[in-house]
Amino acid sequence: MDDHFQNYGERSDGDQEIKELPPPSSPPQPPHGTGVL
């Protein structure tokens, strides 16, 4: 069960990384607080 749980956790991390990345269709948002508006 431990091995299965580890695999599930790794997959979850990958999903999170993909979700964090902005979609290619939308333009990249500049970092907040740069003062460039």
N, C-alpha and C. Protein backbone atom coordinates (compact mmCIF):
# COMPACT_ATOMS: atom_id res chain seq x y z
N MET A 1 0.85 -1.20 0.00
CA MET A 1 0.00 0.00 0.00
C MET A 1 0.89 1.25 0.00
N ASP A 2 2.02 1.17 0.68
CA ASP A 2 2.90 2.35 0.72
C ASP A 2 3.34 2.72 -0.69
N ASP A 3 3.78 1.71 -1.48
CA ASP A 3 4.23 2.01 -2.84
C ASP A 3 3.11 2.68 -3.63
N HIS A 4 1.91 2.12 -3.53
CA HIS A 4 0.79 2.70 -4.30
C HIS A 4 0.56 4.15 -3.87
N PHE A 5 0.64 4.41 -2.57
CA PHE A 5 0.39 5.76 -2.06
C PHE A 5 1.45 6.71 -2.62
N GLN A 6 2.73 6.27 -2.62
CA GLN A 6 3.80 7.13 -3.15
C GLN A 6 3.53 7.46 -4.62
N ASN A 7 3.19 6.45 -5.40
CA ASN A 7 2.92 6.70 -6.81
C ASN A 7 1.80 7.73 -6.97
N TYR A 8 0.74 7.57 -6.17
CA TYR A 8 -0.39 8.51 -6.26
C TYR A 8 0.07 9.93 -5.92
N GLY A 9 0.91 10.06 -4.87
CA GLY A 9 1.40 11.38 -4.48
C GLY A 9 2.21 12.00 -5.61
N GLU A 10 3.10 11.21 -6.22
CA GLU A 10 3.92 11.75 -7.31
C GLU A 10 3.02 12.24 -8.44
N ARG A 11 2.02 11.43 -8.80
CA ARG A 11 1.13 11.84 -9.89
C ARG A 11 0.42 13.14 -9.51
N SER A 12 0.00 13.26 -8.25
CA SER A 12 -0.69 14.48 -7.81
C SER A 12 0.24 15.68 -7.99
N ASP A 13 1.51 15.52 -7.60
CA ASP A 13 2.45 16.63 -7.74
C ASP A 13 2.53 17.06 -9.21
N GLY A 14 2.64 16.10 -10.11
CA GLY A 14 2.73 16.43 -11.53
C GLY A 14 1.49 17.21 -11.97
N ASP A 15 0.31 16.75 -11.54
CA ASP A 15 -0.92 17.46 -11.92
C ASP A 15 -0.87 18.89 -11.41
N GLN A 16 -0.42 19.08 -10.17
CA GLN A 16 -0.37 20.43 -9.60
C GLN A 16 0.55 21.31 -10.45
N GLU A 17 1.72 20.80 -10.82
CA GLU A 17 2.65 21.60 -11.63
C GLU A 17 1.98 22.02 -12.93
N ILE A 18 1.31 21.07 -13.61
CA ILE A 18 0.66 21.39 -14.88
C ILE A 18 -0.42 22.45 -14.65
N LYS A 19 -1.19 22.32 -13.57
CA LYS A 19 -2.26 23.28 -13.29
C LYS A 19 -1.66 24.66 -13.01
N GLU A 20 -0.52 24.71 -12.28
CA GLU A 20 0.09 25.99 -11.96
C GLU A 20 0.50 26.72 -13.24
N LEU A 21 1.04 26.00 -14.21
CA LEU A 21 1.45 26.65 -15.45
C LEU A 21 0.24 27.27 -16.14
N PRO A 22 0.35 28.49 -16.67
CA PRO A 22 -0.77 29.14 -17.35
C PRO A 22 -1.07 28.45 -18.68
N PRO A 23 -2.32 28.42 -19.12
CA PRO A 23 -2.65 27.79 -20.39
C PRO A 23 -1.97 28.51 -21.54
N PRO A 24 -1.55 27.78 -22.59
CA PRO A 24 -0.84 28.40 -23.72
C PRO A 24 -1.74 29.40 -24.45
N SER A 25 -3.06 29.20 -24.40
CA SER A 25 -3.96 30.09 -25.14
C SER A 25 -3.94 31.49 -24.53
N SER A 26 -3.85 31.58 -23.18
CA SER A 26 -3.87 32.89 -22.53
C SER A 26 -2.46 33.47 -22.48
N PRO A 27 -2.32 34.79 -22.59
CA PRO A 27 -0.99 35.41 -22.56
C PRO A 27 -0.38 35.29 -21.18
N PRO A 28 0.95 35.21 -21.08
CA PRO A 28 1.61 35.07 -19.77
C PRO A 28 1.41 36.33 -18.94
N GLN A 29 0.97 36.16 -17.68
CA GLN A 29 0.74 37.33 -16.82
C GLN A 29 2.05 37.77 -16.18
N PRO A 30 2.35 39.07 -16.17
CA PRO A 30 3.59 39.56 -15.54
C PRO A 30 3.52 39.40 -14.04
N PRO A 31 4.65 39.32 -13.35
CA PRO A 31 4.64 39.15 -11.89
C PRO A 31 3.97 40.32 -11.22
N HIS A 32 3.18 40.06 -10.18
CA HIS A 32 2.45 41.13 -9.51
C HIS A 32 3.40 41.99 -8.69
N GLY A 33 3.21 43.30 -8.71
CA GLY A 33 4.05 44.18 -7.92
C GLY A 33 5.19 44.78 -8.73
N THR A 34 5.21 44.52 -10.05
CA THR A 34 6.29 45.11 -10.86
C THR A 34 6.00 46.59 -11.13
N GLY A 35 4.74 47.02 -11.03
CA GLY A 35 4.40 48.42 -11.26
C GLY A 35 4.30 48.73 -12.74
N VAL A 36 4.24 47.69 -13.59
CA VAL A 36 4.11 47.93 -15.04
C VAL A 36 2.66 47.69 -15.43
N LEU A 37 1.86 48.74 -15.44
CA LEU A 37 0.44 48.60 -15.80
C LEU A 37 0.09 49.62 -16.87
